[in-house]
Amino acid sequence: MGGCLGRLATAGSVSRRVVIVLLIAALVAVAARIAAASDAGPVRFNRALTCGSERWIVKTLQDKPHLISAKPKAVAQLAALTRPSPTPITRSNFERHIYSVDAAVTHPHGSRPRPSCRP
């Protein structure tokens, strides 16, 4: 009986070794496939991923600017302001002002009101 148990124990450890070797071989094959060069073209930079990230310190007030008190303005007045060229890296004088605008959205961009919504 001792001989039979010895053979079973040996067969169990051999099959376990086979499973481990096969798992390692599969992992190596997957790693090689991932690392292999592909026929895909070069990766293009996607602007949408970084949209809005430029001048983040200025946009989030992390530069702790001294802001000028709120002034009431119309949308037309703000739209008429000229854009600085080139855009400064730091905060421009224009960006130190706070504007107060009374406005109402009558037609959201890209949509038209339903006939039932029209006056």
Protein backbone atom coordinates (compact mmCIF):
# COMPACT_ATOMS: atom_id res chain seq x y z
CA MET A 1 0.00 0.00 0.00
CA GLY A 2 2.80 2.35 0.78
CA GLY A 3 3.95 2.05 -2.84
CA CYS A 4 0.55 3.08 -4.25
CA LEU A 5 0.34 6.18 -2.04
CA GLY A 6 3.82 7.17 -3.06
CA ARG A 7 2.90 6.94 -6.75
CA LEU A 8 -0.27 9.04 -6.20
CA ALA A 9 1.66 11.73 -4.37
CA THR A 10 4.23 11.81 -7.18
CA ALA A 11 1.54 12.00 -9.85
CA GLY A 12 -0.20 14.86 -7.97
CA SER A 13 2.96 16.94 -7.70
CA VAL A 14 3.78 16.30 -11.38
CA SER A 15 0.35 17.45 -12.51
CA ARG A 16 0.64 20.52 -10.28
CA ARG A 17 4.03 21.28 -11.86
CA VAL A 18 2.53 20.88 -15.32
CA VAL A 19 -0.27 23.32 -14.49
CA ILE A 20 2.21 25.85 -13.11
CA VAL A 21 4.47 25.52 -16.17
CA LEU A 22 1.48 25.96 -18.49
CA LEU A 23 0.31 29.06 -16.58
CA ILE A 24 3.78 30.60 -16.78
CA ALA A 25 3.96 29.81 -20.50
CA ALA A 26 0.56 31.41 -21.04
CA LEU A 27 1.60 34.53 -19.12
CA VAL A 28 4.81 34.79 -21.13
CA ALA A 29 2.85 34.44 -24.39
CA VAL A 30 0.40 37.16 -23.35
CA ALA A 31 3.24 39.47 -22.29
CA ALA A 32 5.04 38.87 -25.59
CA ARG A 33 1.88 39.65 -27.57
CA ILE A 34 1.31 42.87 -25.66
CA ALA A 35 4.92 43.97 -26.11
CA ALA A 36 5.06 43.02 -29.81
CA ALA A 37 5.04 45.78 -32.40
CA SER A 38 1.76 46.16 -34.23
CA ASP A 39 0.75 47.39 -37.65
CA ALA A 40 -1.21 50.28 -36.13
CA GLY A 41 -0.21 53.76 -37.18
CA PRO A 42 1.37 56.33 -34.88
CA VAL A 43 -0.66 57.51 -31.92
CA ARG A 44 -2.12 60.94 -32.49
CA PHE A 45 -2.42 63.44 -29.68
CA ASN A 46 -6.07 64.02 -28.75
CA ARG A 47 -6.72 67.67 -27.88
CA ALA A 48 -10.05 66.77 -26.27
CA LEU A 49 -8.22 65.03 -23.43
CA THR A 50 -6.41 68.22 -22.43
CA CYS A 51 -9.14 70.68 -23.35
CA GLY A 52 -9.29 73.33 -20.66
CA SER A 53 -6.10 72.28 -18.89
CA GLU A 54 -3.96 75.14 -20.23
CA ARG A 55 -3.49 77.98 -17.73
CA TRP A 56 -5.14 75.82 -15.05
CA ILE A 57 -3.56 77.82 -12.20
CA VAL A 58 -5.16 81.03 -13.54
CA LYS A 59 -8.56 79.41 -14.21
CA THR A 60 -8.82 77.95 -10.70
CA LEU A 61 -7.52 81.11 -8.95
CA GLN A 62 -4.53 79.21 -7.56
CA ASP A 63 -2.37 82.24 -8.40
CA LYS A 64 -4.33 84.17 -5.69
CA PRO A 65 -4.87 87.35 -7.72
CA HIS A 66 -6.03 90.70 -6.41
CA LEU A 67 -9.43 90.99 -8.09
CA ILE A 68 -11.21 94.25 -8.93
CA SER A 69 -14.80 94.61 -7.65
CA ALA A 70 -17.79 93.48 -9.70
CA LYS A 71 -19.05 95.79 -12.44
CA PRO A 72 -22.41 95.36 -14.19
CA LYS A 73 -21.95 94.70 -17.93
CA ALA A 74 -24.08 93.55 -20.84
CA VAL A 75 -23.20 90.44 -22.83
CA ALA A 76 -22.61 92.63 -25.90
CA GLN A 77 -20.06 94.71 -23.97
CA LEU A 78 -18.16 91.62 -22.88
CA ALA A 79 -18.28 90.14 -26.39
CA ALA A 80 -16.82 93.37 -27.79
CA LEU A 81 -13.67 93.13 -25.65
CA THR A 82 -10.56 92.24 -27.64
CA ARG A 83 -8.76 89.00 -26.93
CA PRO A 84 -5.08 89.37 -25.96
CA SER A 85 -2.69 88.01 -28.52
CA PRO A 86 -0.69 86.00 -27.70
CA THR A 87 -2.48 84.68 -24.64
CA PRO A 88 -0.37 85.49 -21.60
CA ILE A 89 0.91 82.66 -19.44
CA THR A 90 0.12 84.60 -16.28
CA ARG A 91 -3.08 86.50 -15.49
CA SER A 92 -3.74 89.52 -17.72
CA ASN A 93 -5.18 92.79 -16.38
CA PHE A 94 -8.54 91.95 -17.99
CA GLU A 95 -8.69 88.74 -15.96
CA ARG A 96 -8.52 90.68 -12.70
CA HIS A 97 -12.01 92.14 -13.24
CA ILE A 98 -15.23 90.60 -11.97
CA TYR A 99 -18.28 91.20 -14.14
CA SER A 100 -21.92 90.88 -13.21
CA VAL A 101 -24.25 89.98 -16.09
CA ASP A 102 -28.06 89.82 -15.99
CA ALA A 103 -29.04 87.42 -18.76
CA ALA A 104 -31.49 84.72 -19.70
CA VAL A 105 -30.92 81.72 -21.95
CA THR A 106 -33.67 81.82 -24.54
CA HIS A 107 -32.34 79.29 -27.06
CA PRO A 108 -29.64 76.88 -25.91
CA HIS A 109 -26.86 76.55 -28.45
CA GLY A 110 -27.62 73.96 -31.08
CA SER A 111 -31.28 73.52 -30.26
CA ARG A 112 -34.53 75.15 -31.19
CA PRO A 113 -37.54 75.52 -28.95
CA ARG A 114 -40.42 73.15 -29.51
CA PRO A 115 -43.52 74.77 -31.03
CA SER A 116 -45.31 74.29 -27.73
CA CYS A 117 -42.63 76.36 -25.96
CA ARG A 118 -42.86 79.40 -28.21
CA PRO A 119 -44.82 82.41 -26.93
